Amino acid sequence: MTTPGYSRTQIALHWIVAALISAQYLFKDAISEAWTAYVQGQSFAFDPLILAHVTGGIIILALVLWRIVLRFSRGAPPLPEKEHPALKLAAKAVHVVFYLVLIGLSVSGGLAWFADVRVAANLHNVLKVVLLALIVVHVGAVVFHQLILKTAIMQRMLRPSV
């Protein structure tokens, strides 16, 4: 389903999730240190940043699921008409992988932290790197569209459609 542009809610969710992801990376040291101590059989002190990381993951999961519901119910604007089919396919693939990775990060982090599933902890670490790569590709694609293709695609995430 397509729509002329993203809604205010879709845009807000995009930027809120982006900010939360940034916070997860910036303030991950406390939970990393606590996990390392736990795995080594050591105790660790409560740190509000641990709670913030866990809560952030839960909130990200809820917001991503909301974004997916909106994507299916409201749709998304079409990609630029003159864009090469390979770029259109890449854009769709990256968005699907973004959703899967964000869901996978939240679920694997929860399974590791709350259920002591070590495989989930390992998956969480792999997915963190995959997410960083996706972010680089995503931001690079926006810059490429703005500066090289001159499609002004960034406007879709800045100005809601009516």
N, C-alpha and C. Protein backbone atom coordinates (compact mmCIF):
# COMPACT_ATOMS: atom_id res chain seq x y z
N MET A 1 0.84 -1.17 0.00
CA MET A 1 0.00 0.00 0.00
C MET A 1 0.90 1.25 0.00
N THR A 2 0.55 2.22 -0.81
CA THR A 2 1.32 3.47 -0.85
C THR A 2 0.44 4.63 -0.42
N THR A 3 1.08 5.67 0.02
CA THR A 3 0.43 6.89 0.45
C THR A 3 1.33 8.04 0.00
N PRO A 4 0.80 9.25 -0.13
CA PRO A 4 1.64 10.36 -0.61
C PRO A 4 2.85 10.64 0.27
N GLY A 5 2.74 10.37 1.56
CA GLY A 5 3.85 10.63 2.47
C GLY A 5 3.60 9.95 3.80
N TYR A 6 4.57 10.05 4.67
CA TYR A 6 4.43 9.47 6.00
C TYR A 6 3.57 10.37 6.87
N SER A 7 2.86 9.78 7.82
CA SER A 7 2.04 10.54 8.76
C SER A 7 2.92 11.12 9.87
N ARG A 8 2.35 12.04 10.64
CA ARG A 8 3.07 12.60 11.79
C ARG A 8 3.50 11.48 12.74
N THR A 9 2.63 10.52 12.94
CA THR A 9 2.94 9.42 13.85
C THR A 9 4.10 8.59 13.31
N GLN A 10 4.07 8.27 12.03
CA GLN A 10 5.16 7.49 11.44
C GLN A 10 6.50 8.22 11.54
N ILE A 11 6.48 9.51 11.29
CA ILE A 11 7.70 10.32 11.38
C ILE A 11 8.19 10.38 12.83
N ALA A 12 7.26 10.62 13.75
CA ALA A 12 7.64 10.69 15.16
C ALA A 12 8.23 9.36 15.62
N LEU A 13 7.61 8.25 15.24
CA LEU A 13 8.12 6.94 15.62
C LEU A 13 9.53 6.71 15.07
N HIS A 14 9.75 7.12 13.83
CA HIS A 14 11.07 6.97 13.21
C HIS A 14 12.14 7.67 14.05
N TRP A 15 11.89 8.93 14.39
CA TRP A 15 12.90 9.72 15.09
C TRP A 15 13.03 9.31 16.56
N ILE A 16 11.93 8.91 17.18
CA ILE A 16 12.01 8.43 18.57
C ILE A 16 12.82 7.15 18.64
N VAL A 17 12.56 6.22 17.71
CA VAL A 17 13.33 4.96 17.69
C VAL A 17 14.80 5.26 17.40
N ALA A 18 15.08 6.18 16.49
CA ALA A 18 16.47 6.55 16.19
C ALA A 18 17.16 7.10 17.45
N ALA A 19 16.47 7.95 18.20
CA ALA A 19 17.05 8.51 19.42
C ALA A 19 17.26 7.42 20.48
N LEU A 20 16.30 6.53 20.61
CA LEU A 20 16.44 5.44 21.59
C LEU A 20 17.59 4.51 21.23
N ILE A 21 17.74 4.22 19.94
CA ILE A 21 18.85 3.36 19.51
C ILE A 21 20.18 4.04 19.82
N SER A 22 20.26 5.33 19.56
CA SER A 22 21.49 6.08 19.88
C SER A 22 21.80 5.97 21.37
N ALA A 23 20.77 6.14 22.20
CA ALA A 23 20.97 6.04 23.65
C ALA A 23 21.42 4.63 24.04
N GLN A 24 20.86 3.62 23.38
CA GLN A 24 21.24 2.24 23.70
C GLN A 24 22.73 2.02 23.46
N TYR A 25 23.24 2.56 22.36
CA TYR A 25 24.67 2.42 22.06
C TYR A 25 25.54 3.29 22.98
N LEU A 26 25.10 4.50 23.25
CA LEU A 26 25.90 5.42 24.05
C LEU A 26 26.01 4.98 25.51
N PHE A 27 24.95 4.39 26.04
CA PHE A 27 24.91 4.07 27.47
C PHE A 27 24.87 2.57 27.74
N LYS A 28 25.53 1.79 26.90
CA LYS A 28 25.50 0.34 27.03
C LYS A 28 26.55 -0.22 27.99
N ASP A 29 27.50 0.59 28.39
CA ASP A 29 28.60 0.09 29.22
C ASP A 29 28.13 -0.55 30.52
N ALA A 30 27.15 0.05 31.17
CA ALA A 30 26.69 -0.47 32.47
C ALA A 30 26.13 -1.88 32.32
N ILE A 31 25.30 -2.09 31.31
CA ILE A 31 24.71 -3.42 31.15
C ILE A 31 25.75 -4.42 30.65
N SER A 32 26.69 -3.97 29.83
CA SER A 32 27.77 -4.85 29.37
C SER A 32 28.62 -5.32 30.54
N GLU A 33 28.96 -4.38 31.42
CA GLU A 33 29.76 -4.73 32.59
C GLU A 33 28.98 -5.65 33.54
N ALA A 34 27.70 -5.39 33.71
CA ALA A 34 26.88 -6.23 34.58
C ALA A 34 26.77 -7.64 34.00
N TRP A 35 26.60 -7.75 32.68
CA TRP A 35 26.50 -9.07 32.04
C TRP A 35 27.81 -9.84 32.20
N THR A 36 28.92 -9.16 31.98
CA THR A 36 30.23 -9.80 32.12
C THR A 36 30.41 -10.30 33.56
N ALA A 37 30.06 -9.48 34.53
CA ALA A 37 30.16 -9.89 35.93
C ALA A 37 29.26 -11.09 36.20
N TYR A 38 28.05 -11.05 35.70
CA TYR A 38 27.10 -12.15 35.90
C TYR A 38 27.64 -13.46 35.32
N VAL A 39 28.14 -13.40 34.10
CA VAL A 39 28.67 -14.60 33.43
C VAL A 39 29.87 -15.16 34.20
N GLN A 40 30.65 -14.28 34.83
CA GLN A 40 31.82 -14.71 35.59
C GLN A 40 31.47 -15.09 37.03
N GLY A 41 30.16 -15.07 37.34
CA GLY A 41 29.73 -15.46 38.68
C GLY A 41 29.96 -14.41 39.74
N GLN A 42 30.17 -13.18 39.33
CA GLN A 42 30.40 -12.08 40.27
C GLN A 42 29.11 -11.29 40.46
N SER A 43 29.03 -10.59 41.54
CA SER A 43 27.87 -9.73 41.76
C SER A 43 28.14 -8.37 41.12
N PHE A 44 27.07 -7.64 40.92
CA PHE A 44 27.20 -6.28 40.38
C PHE A 44 26.17 -5.40 41.06
N ALA A 45 26.50 -4.15 41.18
CA ALA A 45 25.62 -3.20 41.84
C ALA A 45 24.55 -2.71 40.87
N PHE A 46 23.42 -2.31 41.44
CA PHE A 46 22.37 -1.72 40.62
C PHE A 46 22.89 -0.43 40.00
N ASP A 47 22.57 -0.25 38.75
CA ASP A 47 22.93 0.97 38.04
C ASP A 47 21.69 1.38 37.24
N PRO A 48 21.22 2.60 37.38
CA PRO A 48 20.02 3.01 36.65
C PRO A 48 20.19 2.88 35.13
N LEU A 49 21.43 2.91 34.64
CA LEU A 49 21.64 2.75 33.19
C LEU A 49 21.32 1.33 32.73
N ILE A 50 21.43 0.36 33.63
CA ILE A 50 21.03 -1.01 33.29
C ILE A 50 19.52 -1.03 33.07
N LEU A 51 18.79 -0.47 34.01
CA LEU A 51 17.34 -0.40 33.88
C LEU A 51 16.95 0.39 32.63
N ALA A 52 17.66 1.48 32.37
CA ALA A 52 17.36 2.29 31.18
C ALA A 52 17.58 1.48 29.90
N HIS A 53 18.63 0.67 29.86
CA HIS A 53 18.90 -0.13 28.66
C HIS A 53 17.80 -1.18 28.45
N VAL A 54 17.44 -1.86 29.52
CA VAL A 54 16.39 -2.89 29.43
C VAL A 54 15.06 -2.25 29.03
N THR A 55 14.71 -1.15 29.69
CA THR A 55 13.47 -0.45 29.39
C THR A 55 13.50 0.10 27.96
N GLY A 56 14.63 0.63 27.56
CA GLY A 56 14.77 1.14 26.18
C GLY A 56 14.53 0.05 25.16
N GLY A 57 15.06 -1.14 25.41
CA GLY A 57 14.84 -2.25 24.49
C GLY A 57 13.37 -2.63 24.38
N ILE A 58 12.68 -2.63 25.50
CA ILE A 58 11.24 -2.95 25.50
C ILE A 58 10.46 -1.88 24.74
N ILE A 59 10.80 -0.63 24.99
CA ILE A 59 10.12 0.48 24.30
C ILE A 59 10.39 0.42 22.80
N ILE A 60 11.64 0.17 22.42
CA ILE A 60 11.98 0.06 20.99
C ILE A 60 11.15 -1.04 20.35
N LEU A 61 11.05 -2.19 21.00
CA LEU A 61 10.26 -3.29 20.45
C LEU A 61 8.81 -2.86 20.24
N ALA A 62 8.21 -2.22 21.24
CA ALA A 62 6.82 -1.78 21.12
C ALA A 62 6.65 -0.77 19.98
N LEU A 63 7.58 0.17 19.87
CA LEU A 63 7.47 1.20 18.83
C LEU A 63 7.70 0.62 17.43
N VAL A 64 8.61 -0.33 17.32
CA VAL A 64 8.85 -0.98 16.02
C VAL A 64 7.62 -1.76 15.59
N LEU A 65 7.01 -2.46 16.52
CA LEU A 65 5.79 -3.20 16.18
C LEU A 65 4.67 -2.24 15.76
N TRP A 66 4.59 -1.10 16.43
CA TRP A 66 3.62 -0.07 16.06
C TRP A 66 3.92 0.45 14.65
N ARG A 67 5.19 0.67 14.36
CA ARG A 67 5.58 1.14 13.02
C ARG A 67 5.17 0.13 11.95
N ILE A 68 5.35 -1.15 12.25
CA ILE A 68 4.98 -2.19 11.28
C ILE A 68 3.48 -2.19 11.05
N VAL A 69 2.71 -2.07 12.12
CA VAL A 69 1.25 -2.00 11.98
C VAL A 69 0.86 -0.81 11.11
N LEU A 70 1.47 0.35 11.37
CA LEU A 70 1.17 1.54 10.57
C LEU A 70 1.60 1.36 9.12
N ARG A 71 2.70 0.68 8.92
CA ARG A 71 3.20 0.46 7.55
C ARG A 71 2.19 -0.36 6.75
N PHE A 72 1.60 -1.36 7.40
CA PHE A 72 0.61 -2.19 6.70
C PHE A 72 -0.76 -1.53 6.62
N SER A 73 -1.13 -0.76 7.63
CA SER A 73 -2.47 -0.15 7.63
C SER A 73 -2.52 1.16 6.85
N ARG A 74 -1.47 1.97 6.94
CA ARG A 74 -1.46 3.27 6.28
C ARG A 74 -0.62 3.28 5.01
N GLY A 75 0.40 2.45 4.99
CA GLY A 75 1.28 2.39 3.83
C GLY A 75 2.48 3.30 3.98
N ALA A 76 3.21 3.41 2.90
CA ALA A 76 4.41 4.24 2.84
C ALA A 76 4.44 4.93 1.49
N PRO A 77 5.09 6.07 1.42
CA PRO A 77 5.18 6.76 0.12
C PRO A 77 6.00 5.93 -0.87
N PRO A 78 5.66 6.05 -2.15
CA PRO A 78 6.43 5.30 -3.15
C PRO A 78 7.85 5.84 -3.26
N LEU A 79 8.73 4.99 -3.69
CA LEU A 79 10.11 5.42 -3.94
C LEU A 79 10.12 6.29 -5.20
N PRO A 80 11.14 7.12 -5.36
CA PRO A 80 11.19 7.99 -6.55
C PRO A 80 11.03 7.17 -7.84
N GLU A 81 10.19 7.70 -8.75
CA GLU A 81 9.86 6.98 -9.99
C GLU A 81 11.08 6.64 -10.84
N LYS A 82 12.00 7.56 -10.97
CA LYS A 82 13.14 7.36 -11.86
C LYS A 82 14.29 6.59 -11.21
N GLU A 83 14.07 6.12 -10.01
CA GLU A 83 15.12 5.39 -9.32
C GLU A 83 15.33 4.02 -9.96
N HIS A 84 16.57 3.61 -10.04
CA HIS A 84 16.92 2.31 -10.62
C HIS A 84 16.24 1.19 -9.82
N PRO A 85 15.73 0.17 -10.51
CA PRO A 85 15.05 -0.94 -9.81
C PRO A 85 15.91 -1.60 -8.73
N ALA A 86 17.21 -1.66 -8.95
CA ALA A 86 18.10 -2.26 -7.94
C ALA A 86 18.09 -1.43 -6.65
N LEU A 87 18.05 -0.11 -6.78
CA LEU A 87 17.99 0.75 -5.60
C LEU A 87 16.66 0.60 -4.87
N LYS A 88 15.59 0.45 -5.65
CA LYS A 88 14.27 0.24 -5.03
C LYS A 88 14.25 -1.07 -4.26
N LEU A 89 14.80 -2.10 -4.85
CA LEU A 89 14.85 -3.40 -4.18
C LEU A 89 15.71 -3.32 -2.92
N ALA A 90 16.85 -2.63 -3.02
CA ALA A 90 17.74 -2.49 -1.86
C ALA A 90 17.03 -1.72 -0.74
N ALA A 91 16.31 -0.68 -1.08
CA ALA A 91 15.59 0.11 -0.08
C ALA A 91 14.56 -0.75 0.66
N LYS A 92 13.81 -1.52 -0.10
CA LYS A 92 12.80 -2.38 0.53
C LYS A 92 13.47 -3.44 1.40
N ALA A 93 14.54 -4.02 0.91
CA ALA A 93 15.24 -5.07 1.68
C ALA A 93 15.82 -4.50 2.97
N VAL A 94 16.44 -3.33 2.88
CA VAL A 94 17.05 -2.74 4.07
C VAL A 94 15.98 -2.43 5.12
N HIS A 95 14.82 -1.95 4.69
CA HIS A 95 13.76 -1.66 5.66
C HIS A 95 13.26 -2.93 6.34
N VAL A 96 13.08 -3.99 5.59
CA VAL A 96 12.65 -5.27 6.18
C VAL A 96 13.71 -5.77 7.16
N VAL A 97 14.97 -5.71 6.75
CA VAL A 97 16.04 -6.18 7.63
C VAL A 97 16.13 -5.30 8.88
N PHE A 98 15.93 -4.00 8.74
CA PHE A 98 15.91 -3.11 9.90
C PHE A 98 14.88 -3.60 10.92
N TYR A 99 13.66 -3.83 10.46
CA TYR A 99 12.60 -4.28 11.37
C TYR A 99 12.99 -5.60 12.03
N LEU A 100 13.49 -6.54 11.23
CA LEU A 100 13.86 -7.85 11.78
C LEU A 100 14.99 -7.74 12.80
N VAL A 101 15.98 -6.93 12.49
CA VAL A 101 17.12 -6.77 13.41
C VAL A 101 16.69 -6.08 14.70
N LEU A 102 15.86 -5.05 14.60
CA LEU A 102 15.40 -4.36 15.81
C LEU A 102 14.56 -5.29 16.69
N ILE A 103 13.71 -6.08 16.07
CA ILE A 103 12.93 -7.05 16.84
C ILE A 103 13.87 -8.10 17.43
N GLY A 104 14.80 -8.58 16.61
CA GLY A 104 15.75 -9.58 17.08
C GLY A 104 16.61 -9.08 18.23
N LEU A 105 17.03 -7.82 18.18
CA LEU A 105 17.82 -7.24 19.27
C LEU A 105 17.02 -7.20 20.57
N SER A 106 15.78 -6.74 20.47
CA SER A 106 14.95 -6.64 21.67
C SER A 106 14.67 -8.01 22.27
N VAL A 107 14.30 -8.95 21.43
CA VAL A 107 13.98 -10.29 21.92
C VAL A 107 15.22 -11.00 22.46
N SER A 108 16.33 -10.94 21.72
CA SER A 108 17.55 -11.62 22.18
C SER A 108 18.08 -10.98 23.46
N GLY A 109 18.00 -9.66 23.56
CA GLY A 109 18.44 -9.00 24.78
C GLY A 109 17.58 -9.40 25.97
N GLY A 110 16.28 -9.47 25.76
CA GLY A 110 15.38 -9.90 26.83
C GLY A 110 15.62 -11.33 27.24
N LEU A 111 15.81 -12.21 26.27
CA LEU A 111 16.08 -13.63 26.59
C LEU A 111 17.39 -13.79 27.33
N ALA A 112 18.39 -13.03 26.94
CA ALA A 112 19.68 -13.11 27.63
C ALA A 112 19.55 -12.59 29.06
N TRP A 113 18.97 -11.41 29.22
CA TRP A 113 18.93 -10.76 30.52
C TRP A 113 17.97 -11.44 31.50
N PHE A 114 16.78 -11.78 31.01
CA PHE A 114 15.76 -12.31 31.92
C PHE A 114 15.75 -13.84 32.02
N ALA A 115 16.25 -14.53 30.99
CA ALA A 115 16.18 -16.00 30.99
C ALA A 115 17.55 -16.67 30.93
N ASP A 116 18.61 -15.87 30.94
CA ASP A 116 19.98 -16.41 30.92
C ASP A 116 20.22 -17.33 29.72
N VAL A 117 19.71 -16.93 28.57
CA VAL A 117 19.94 -17.70 27.34
C VAL A 117 21.22 -17.15 26.70
N ARG A 118 22.30 -17.90 26.85
CA ARG A 118 23.61 -17.42 26.40
C ARG A 118 23.68 -17.27 24.88
N VAL A 119 23.01 -18.16 24.16
CA VAL A 119 22.98 -18.05 22.69
C VAL A 119 22.32 -16.73 22.29
N ALA A 120 21.30 -16.35 23.02
CA ALA A 120 20.63 -15.08 22.74
C ALA A 120 21.57 -13.90 22.98
N ALA A 121 22.40 -14.01 24.01
CA ALA A 121 23.38 -12.94 24.28
C ALA A 121 24.37 -12.82 23.13
N ASN A 122 24.81 -13.96 22.63
CA ASN A 122 25.73 -13.94 21.47
C ASN A 122 25.05 -13.35 20.25
N LEU A 123 23.79 -13.75 20.01
CA LEU A 123 23.04 -13.19 18.88
C LEU A 123 22.88 -11.69 19.04
N HIS A 124 22.60 -11.25 20.25
CA HIS A 124 22.44 -9.83 20.53
C HIS A 124 23.70 -9.06 20.13
N ASN A 125 24.86 -9.60 20.46
CA ASN A 125 26.12 -8.96 20.11
C ASN A 125 26.34 -8.90 18.61
N VAL A 126 25.96 -9.95 17.90
CA VAL A 126 26.09 -9.96 16.44
C VAL A 126 25.13 -8.94 15.84
N LEU A 127 23.90 -8.93 16.32
CA LEU A 127 22.89 -8.01 15.77
C LEU A 127 23.23 -6.55 16.02
N LYS A 128 23.96 -6.25 17.11
CA LYS A 128 24.40 -4.87 17.35
C LYS A 128 25.28 -4.38 16.21
N VAL A 129 26.16 -5.24 15.74
CA VAL A 129 27.06 -4.88 14.64
C VAL A 129 26.27 -4.76 13.34
N VAL A 130 25.34 -5.68 13.12
CA VAL A 130 24.50 -5.63 11.91
C VAL A 130 23.69 -4.33 11.91
N LEU A 131 23.15 -3.96 13.06
CA LEU A 131 22.37 -2.72 13.13
C LEU A 131 23.24 -1.51 12.81
N LEU A 132 24.44 -1.47 13.34
CA LEU A 132 25.34 -0.35 13.01
C LEU A 132 25.60 -0.27 11.51
N ALA A 133 25.81 -1.42 10.88
CA ALA A 133 26.02 -1.45 9.43
C ALA A 133 24.78 -0.94 8.70
N LEU A 134 23.61 -1.36 9.14
CA LEU A 134 22.37 -0.89 8.51
C LEU A 134 22.20 0.62 8.66
N ILE A 135 22.56 1.13 9.82
CA ILE A 135 22.45 2.57 10.04
C ILE A 135 23.39 3.33 9.09
N VAL A 136 24.59 2.82 8.93
CA VAL A 136 25.54 3.46 8.00
C VAL A 136 24.98 3.42 6.57
N VAL A 137 24.45 2.29 6.17
CA VAL A 137 23.86 2.17 4.82
C VAL A 137 22.68 3.12 4.68
N HIS A 138 21.82 3.15 5.69
CA HIS A 138 20.62 4.00 5.66
C HIS A 138 20.98 5.48 5.54
N VAL A 139 21.88 5.94 6.40
CA VAL A 139 22.30 7.35 6.36
C VAL A 139 23.04 7.64 5.05
N GLY A 140 23.88 6.71 4.63
CA GLY A 140 24.58 6.89 3.35
C GLY A 140 23.62 6.99 2.18
N ALA A 141 22.56 6.19 2.21
CA ALA A 141 21.57 6.24 1.13
C ALA A 141 20.85 7.58 1.11
N VAL A 142 20.55 8.11 2.29
CA VAL A 142 19.89 9.42 2.35
C VAL A 142 20.81 10.49 1.77
N VAL A 143 22.07 10.47 2.15
CA VAL A 143 23.03 11.44 1.61
C VAL A 143 23.16 11.28 0.10
N PHE A 144 23.26 10.04 -0.37
CA PHE A 144 23.36 9.76 -1.81
C PHE A 144 22.15 10.31 -2.56
N HIS A 145 20.95 10.07 -2.00
CA HIS A 145 19.73 10.58 -2.64
C HIS A 145 19.71 12.11 -2.66
N GLN A 146 20.12 12.72 -1.56
CA GLN A 146 20.09 14.18 -1.48
C GLN A 146 21.11 14.83 -2.39
N LEU A 147 22.35 14.36 -2.32
CA LEU A 147 23.44 15.05 -3.01
C LEU A 147 23.67 14.60 -4.45
N ILE A 148 23.50 13.32 -4.73
CA ILE A 148 23.79 12.79 -6.06
C ILE A 148 22.53 12.70 -6.91
N LEU A 149 21.51 12.02 -6.39
CA LEU A 149 20.28 11.82 -7.17
C LEU A 149 19.34 13.01 -7.12
N LYS A 150 19.54 13.88 -6.13
CA LYS A 150 18.71 15.10 -5.96
C LYS A 150 17.23 14.77 -5.86
N THR A 151 16.89 13.72 -5.10
CA THR A 151 15.49 13.32 -4.96
C THR A 151 14.80 13.93 -3.75
N ALA A 152 15.54 14.57 -2.87
CA ALA A 152 14.98 15.19 -1.66
C ALA A 152 14.17 14.19 -0.84
N ILE A 153 14.64 12.96 -0.82
CA ILE A 153 13.92 11.89 -0.12
C ILE A 153 13.86 12.13 1.39
N MET A 154 14.79 12.88 1.92
CA MET A 154 14.82 13.19 3.36
C MET A 154 13.56 13.94 3.79
N GLN A 155 12.97 14.69 2.91
CA GLN A 155 11.78 15.47 3.24
C GLN A 155 10.64 14.58 3.71
N ARG A 156 10.63 13.32 3.25
CA ARG A 156 9.55 12.41 3.64
C ARG A 156 9.55 12.12 5.12
N MET A 157 10.72 12.23 5.77
CA MET A 157 10.82 12.00 7.22
C MET A 157 10.87 13.29 8.01
N LEU A 158 10.62 14.42 7.33
CA LEU A 158 10.60 15.70 8.01
C LEU A 158 9.23 16.37 7.94
N ARG A 159 8.53 16.16 6.84
CA ARG A 159 7.23 16.80 6.64
C ARG A 159 6.14 15.76 6.45
N PRO A 160 5.19 15.71 7.37
CA PRO A 160 4.12 14.72 7.22
C PRO A 160 3.16 15.08 6.09
N SER A 161 2.55 14.06 5.53
CA SER A 161 1.49 14.31 4.53
C SER A 161 0.18 14.43 5.26
N VAL A 162 -0.73 15.05 4.64
CA VAL A 162 -2.05 15.27 5.27
C VAL A 162 -2.88 14.01 5.19
